[in-house]
Amino acid sequence: MPSERTLILVKPDGVQRGLIGPIIGRFEQSGLKIIGLKIMQMDEETAGRHYAEHVDRPFFSGLIEFITSGPIVAMCVSGPNAIAHCRRLMGATNPQDAAPGTIRGDYATDIGRNITHGSANEEDAAREVSLFFDESELLSYHRATGPWIIEP
C-alpha cells in the first residue's frame, strides 16, 4: 500500500495547554511516521495562504488572528492512508461532535479552540506541507518496527 504524507498542526491552544507530547504521541503510537517536525510562530502571510479557501468567510479574520496568536507545532506525517488516518485520530472539527478517544473528543470543547489541524485531502496535503516544510526538511527513514506496524 503506498504511503501518503499529510500536515498536522498543533494549534496555539494545544501548545499553551501543554498538549504537544500527548498529541504527537497519538499519531506516532497509531503507526504513523513523523518525517518533519518544528515548533514555530506562524506569520500572517503564511496563515493567509494556509487558510486561503476561507478568505471570503466571515470567520476568516478570526482564524488568522488565532493561528498567529502563539507558537504552533507543524508535523509532516506519513503512512498508508495517512490523511484519513489522521482525520480519524483528530475527530470531528467541532469537538462537540468528536467521539471520545479522538484528540478533539478528549481535549477540546469549542470549535474555535479545537487543538489540531490536519489536511483534508491529497491536494490540500501537498499544498500545506510545502507551506511549512522544504523538501530538504522531510526525512525518509525505515523504522525497525515497521514490519510490526504495516504488513510488507
C-alpha atoms as a PDB file:
ATOM      1  CA  MET A   1       0.000   0.000   0.000  1.00  0.00           C
ATOM      2  CA  PRO A   2       1.520   3.363  -0.973  1.00  0.00           C
ATOM      3  CA  SER A   3       2.392   5.853   1.717  1.00  0.00           C
ATOM      4  CA  GLU A   4       0.779   9.303   1.910  1.00  0.00           C
ATOM      5  CA  ARG A   5       2.091  12.469   3.510  1.00  0.00           C
ATOM      6  CA  THR A   6      -0.042  14.966   5.370  1.00  0.00           C
ATOM      7  CA  LEU A   7       0.310  18.060   7.509  1.00  0.00           C
ATOM      8  CA  ILE A   8      -0.707  18.155  11.145  1.00  0.00           C
ATOM      9  CA  LEU A   9      -0.622  21.330  13.216  1.00  0.00           C
ATOM     10  CA  VAL A  10      -0.867  21.552  16.976  1.00  0.00           C
ATOM     11  CA  LYS A  11      -2.579  24.921  17.213  1.00  0.00           C
ATOM     12  CA  PRO A  12      -1.752  27.626  19.773  1.00  0.00           C
ATOM     13  CA  ASP A  13      -4.346  26.295  22.223  1.00  0.00           C
ATOM     14  CA  GLY A  14      -2.723  22.851  22.198  1.00  0.00           C
ATOM     15  CA  VAL A  15       0.739  24.338  22.704  1.00  0.00           C
ATOM     16  CA  GLN A  16      -0.398  26.668  25.507  1.00  0.00           C
ATOM     17  CA  ARG A  17      -2.194  23.822  27.280  1.00  0.00           C
ATOM     18  CA  GLY A  18       0.943  21.637  27.268  1.00  0.00           C
ATOM     19  CA  LEU A  19      -0.523  19.007  24.925  1.00  0.00           C
ATOM     20  CA  ILE A  20       2.285  18.795  22.351  1.00  0.00           C
ATOM     21  CA  GLY A  21       3.631  15.487  23.675  1.00  0.00           C
ATOM     22  CA  PRO A  22       0.313  13.679  24.071  1.00  0.00           C
ATOM     23  CA  ILE A  23      -0.838  14.818  20.621  1.00  0.00           C
ATOM     24  CA  ILE A  24       2.381  13.778  18.874  1.00  0.00           C
ATOM     25  CA  GLY A  25       2.172  10.501  20.767  1.00  0.00           C
ATOM     26  CA  ARG A  26      -1.295   9.746  19.406  1.00  0.00           C
ATOM     27  CA  PHE A  27      -0.042   9.947  15.823  1.00  0.00           C
ATOM     28  CA  GLU A  28       3.165   8.021  16.494  1.00  0.00           C
ATOM     29  CA  GLN A  29       1.513   5.302  18.564  1.00  0.00           C
ATOM     30  CA  SER A  30      -1.045   4.694  15.819  1.00  0.00           C
ATOM     31  CA  GLY A  31       1.774   3.633  13.484  1.00  0.00           C
ATOM     32  CA  LEU A  32       2.239   6.844  11.517  1.00  0.00           C
ATOM     33  CA  LYS A  33       5.796   8.033  10.953  1.00  0.00           C
ATOM     34  CA  ILE A  34       6.827  11.621  11.699  1.00  0.00           C
ATOM     35  CA  ILE A  35       9.064  12.768   8.842  1.00  0.00           C
ATOM     36  CA  GLY A  36       9.166  16.502   9.669  1.00  0.00           C
ATOM     37  CA  LEU A  37       8.636  18.399  12.909  1.00  0.00           C
ATOM     38  CA  LYS A  38       9.095  22.007  14.036  1.00  0.00           C
ATOM     39  CA  ILE A  39       7.785  24.500  16.549  1.00  0.00           C
ATOM     40  CA  MET A  40       7.241  27.937  15.106  1.00  0.00           C
ATOM     41  CA  GLN A  41       5.293  31.166  15.199  1.00  0.00           C
ATOM     42  CA  MET A  42       3.095  31.409  12.098  1.00  0.00           C
ATOM     43  CA  ASP A  43       3.099  34.829  10.443  1.00  0.00           C
ATOM     44  CA  GLU A  44       0.013  36.446   8.881  1.00  0.00           C
ATOM     45  CA  GLU A  45       1.186  35.829   5.309  1.00  0.00           C
ATOM     46  CA  THR A  46       1.600  32.083   5.862  1.00  0.00           C
ATOM     47  CA  ALA A  47      -1.687  31.959   7.783  1.00  0.00           C
ATOM     48  CA  GLY A  48      -3.482  33.675   4.897  1.00  0.00           C
ATOM     49  CA  ARG A  49      -2.055  31.174   2.430  1.00  0.00           C
ATOM     50  CA  HIS A  50      -2.844  28.263   4.739  1.00  0.00           C
ATOM     51  CA  TYR A  51      -6.496  29.293   5.176  1.00  0.00           C
ATOM     52  CA  ALA A  52      -6.924  30.726   1.637  1.00  0.00           C
ATOM     53  CA  GLU A  53     -10.058  28.648   0.959  1.00  0.00           C
ATOM     54  CA  HIS A  54     -11.824  30.513   3.780  1.00  0.00           C
ATOM     55  CA  VAL A  55     -10.874  34.057   2.666  1.00  0.00           C
ATOM     56  CA  ASP A  56     -14.483  35.039   1.865  1.00  0.00           C
ATOM     57  CA  ARG A  57     -15.998  33.543   5.007  1.00  0.00           C
ATOM     58  CA  PRO A  58     -16.942  35.731   7.970  1.00  0.00           C
ATOM     59  CA  PHE A  59     -14.681  33.794  10.347  1.00  0.00           C
ATOM     60  CA  PHE A  60     -11.500  34.216   8.228  1.00  0.00           C
ATOM     61  CA  SER A  61     -10.008  37.095  10.226  1.00  0.00           C
ATOM     62  CA  GLY A  62     -10.633  35.198  13.473  1.00  0.00           C
ATOM     63  CA  LEU A  63      -8.796  32.152  12.080  1.00  0.00           C
ATOM     64  CA  ILE A  64      -5.802  34.285  11.158  1.00  0.00           C
ATOM     65  CA  GLU A  65      -5.782  36.087  14.489  1.00  0.00           C
ATOM     66  CA  PHE A  66      -5.944  32.827  16.440  1.00  0.00           C
ATOM     67  CA  ILE A  67      -3.397  30.766  14.483  1.00  0.00           C
ATOM     68  CA  THR A  68      -0.850  33.608  14.731  1.00  0.00           C
ATOM     69  CA  SER A  69      -1.535  34.266  18.437  1.00  0.00           C
ATOM     70  CA  GLY A  70       1.120  31.893  19.753  1.00  0.00           C
ATOM     71  CA  PRO A  71       3.513  29.100  18.819  1.00  0.00           C
ATOM     72  CA  ILE A  72       2.331  26.110  16.820  1.00  0.00           C
ATOM     73  CA  VAL A  73       3.870  22.732  16.098  1.00  0.00           C
ATOM     74  CA  ALA A  74       3.950  21.660  12.454  1.00  0.00           C
ATOM     75  CA  MET A  75       4.354  17.976  11.632  1.00  0.00           C
ATOM     76  CA  CYS A  76       4.533  16.101   8.399  1.00  0.00           C
ATOM     77  CA  VAL A  77       3.486  12.507   8.939  1.00  0.00           C
ATOM     78  CA  SER A  78       3.486   9.605   6.533  1.00  0.00           C
ATOM     79  CA  GLY A  79       1.894   6.214   6.270  1.00  0.00           C
ATOM     80  CA  PRO A  80      -0.731   4.275   4.345  1.00  0.00           C
ATOM     81  CA  ASN A  81      -3.895   6.390   4.056  1.00  0.00           C
ATOM     82  CA  ALA A  82      -2.237   8.962   6.347  1.00  0.00           C
ATOM     83  CA  ILE A  83      -4.748  11.712   5.556  1.00  0.00           C
ATOM     84  CA  ALA A  84      -7.840   9.724   6.503  1.00  0.00           C
ATOM     85  CA  HIS A  85      -5.977   8.058   9.377  1.00  0.00           C
ATOM     86  CA  CYS A  86      -5.032  11.442  10.886  1.00  0.00           C
ATOM     87  CA  ARG A  87      -8.518  12.857  10.452  1.00  0.00           C
ATOM     88  CA  ARG A  88      -9.979   9.862  12.323  1.00  0.00           C
ATOM     89  CA  LEU A  89      -7.444  10.329  15.138  1.00  0.00           C
ATOM     90  CA  MET A  90      -8.289  14.039  15.421  1.00  0.00           C
ATOM     91  CA  GLY A  91     -12.065  13.551  15.365  1.00  0.00           C
ATOM     92  CA  ALA A  92     -14.749  15.886  14.064  1.00  0.00           C
ATOM     93  CA  THR A  93     -13.785  19.529  13.510  1.00  0.00           C
ATOM     94  CA  ASN A  94     -16.419  20.563  16.046  1.00  0.00           C
ATOM     95  CA  PRO A  95     -15.306  18.947  19.317  1.00  0.00           C
ATOM     96  CA  GLN A  96     -18.963  18.679  20.371  1.00  0.00           C
ATOM     97  CA  ASP A  97     -19.319  16.092  17.582  1.00  0.00           C
ATOM     98  CA  ALA A  98     -15.958  14.379  18.169  1.00  0.00           C
ATOM     99  CA  ALA A  99     -16.005  10.890  19.613  1.00  0.00           C
ATOM    100  CA  PRO A 100     -14.313  10.127  22.925  1.00  0.00           C
ATOM    101  CA  GLY A 101     -10.882   8.683  22.249  1.00  0.00           C
ATOM    102  CA  THR A 102     -10.148  11.191  19.484  1.00  0.00           C
ATOM    103  CA  ILE A 103      -7.818  14.118  20.097  1.00  0.00           C
ATOM    104  CA  ARG A 104     -10.602  16.699  19.846  1.00  0.00           C
ATOM    105  CA  GLY A 105     -13.044  14.485  21.718  1.00  0.00           C
ATOM    106  CA  ASP A 106     -10.612  14.134  24.615  1.00  0.00           C
ATOM    107  CA  TYR A 107      -9.026  17.597  24.742  1.00  0.00           C
ATOM    108  CA  ALA A 108     -11.293  20.204  23.126  1.00  0.00           C
ATOM    109  CA  THR A 109     -14.756  21.648  23.754  1.00  0.00           C
ATOM    110  CA  ASP A 110     -15.004  24.630  21.383  1.00  0.00           C
ATOM    111  CA  ILE A 111     -14.828  24.682  17.568  1.00  0.00           C
ATOM    112  CA  GLY A 112     -12.678  27.817  17.725  1.00  0.00           C
ATOM    113  CA  ARG A 113     -10.208  26.063  20.023  1.00  0.00           C
ATOM    114  CA  ASN A 114     -10.096  22.575  18.557  1.00  0.00           C
ATOM    115  CA  ILE A 115      -6.409  21.832  19.242  1.00  0.00           C
ATOM    116  CA  THR A 116      -5.292  20.445  15.853  1.00  0.00           C
ATOM    117  CA  HIS A 117      -5.421  20.905  12.106  1.00  0.00           C
ATOM    118  CA  GLY A 118      -4.993  18.149   9.551  1.00  0.00           C
ATOM    119  CA  SER A 119      -5.046  18.293   5.770  1.00  0.00           C
ATOM    120  CA  ALA A 120      -8.428  17.372   4.290  1.00  0.00           C
ATOM    121  CA  ASN A 121      -7.305  15.649   1.079  1.00  0.00           C
ATOM    122  CA  GLU A 122      -4.241  14.872  -1.058  1.00  0.00           C
ATOM    123  CA  GLU A 123      -4.282  18.238  -2.849  1.00  0.00           C
ATOM    124  CA  ASP A 124      -4.508  20.171   0.426  1.00  0.00           C
ATOM    125  CA  ALA A 125      -1.821  17.967   1.981  1.00  0.00           C
ATOM    126  CA  ALA A 126       0.659  18.671  -0.821  1.00  0.00           C
ATOM    127  CA  ARG A 127      -0.021  22.424  -0.664  1.00  0.00           C
ATOM    128  CA  GLU A 128       0.042  22.624   3.134  1.00  0.00           C
ATOM    129  CA  VAL A 129       3.156  20.509   3.631  1.00  0.00           C
ATOM    130  CA  SER A 130       5.007  22.783   1.187  1.00  0.00           C
ATOM    131  CA  LEU A 131       3.919  25.880   3.173  1.00  0.00           C
ATOM    132  CA  PHE A 132       5.640  24.613   6.310  1.00  0.00           C
ATOM    133  CA  PHE A 133       8.482  22.392   5.088  1.00  0.00           C
ATOM    134  CA  ASP A 134      11.132  22.456   2.385  1.00  0.00           C
ATOM    135  CA  GLU A 135      11.667  19.026   0.846  1.00  0.00           C
ATOM    136  CA  SER A 136      15.143  19.024   2.437  1.00  0.00           C
ATOM    137  CA  GLU A 137      13.493  19.133   5.882  1.00  0.00           C
ATOM    138  CA  LEU A 138      11.476  15.948   5.286  1.00  0.00           C
ATOM    139  CA  LEU A 139      13.238  12.701   6.111  1.00  0.00           C
ATOM    140  CA  SER A 140      12.991   9.275   4.593  1.00  0.00           C
ATOM    141  CA  TYR A 141      13.886   6.517   7.007  1.00  0.00           C
ATOM    142  CA  HIS A 142      12.929   2.975   7.977  1.00  0.00           C
ATOM    143  CA  ARG A 143      11.880   2.048  11.487  1.00  0.00           C
ATOM    144  CA  ALA A 144      12.945  -1.293  12.842  1.00  0.00           C
ATOM    145  CA  THR A 145       9.354  -1.812  13.986  1.00  0.00           C
ATOM    146  CA  GLY A 146       7.951  -1.098  10.513  1.00  0.00           C
ATOM    147  CA  PRO A 147       7.009  -4.716   9.664  1.00  0.00           C
ATOM    148  CA  TRP A 148       5.188  -4.955  13.008  1.00  0.00           C
ATOM    149  CA  ILE A 149       3.051  -1.932  12.103  1.00  0.00           C
ATOM    150  CA  ILE A 150       2.435  -2.307   8.370  1.00  0.00           C
ATOM    151  CA  GLU A 151       2.305  -5.616   6.516  1.00  0.00           C
ATOM    152  CA  PRO A 152       5.096  -5.660   3.908  1.00  0.00           C
END
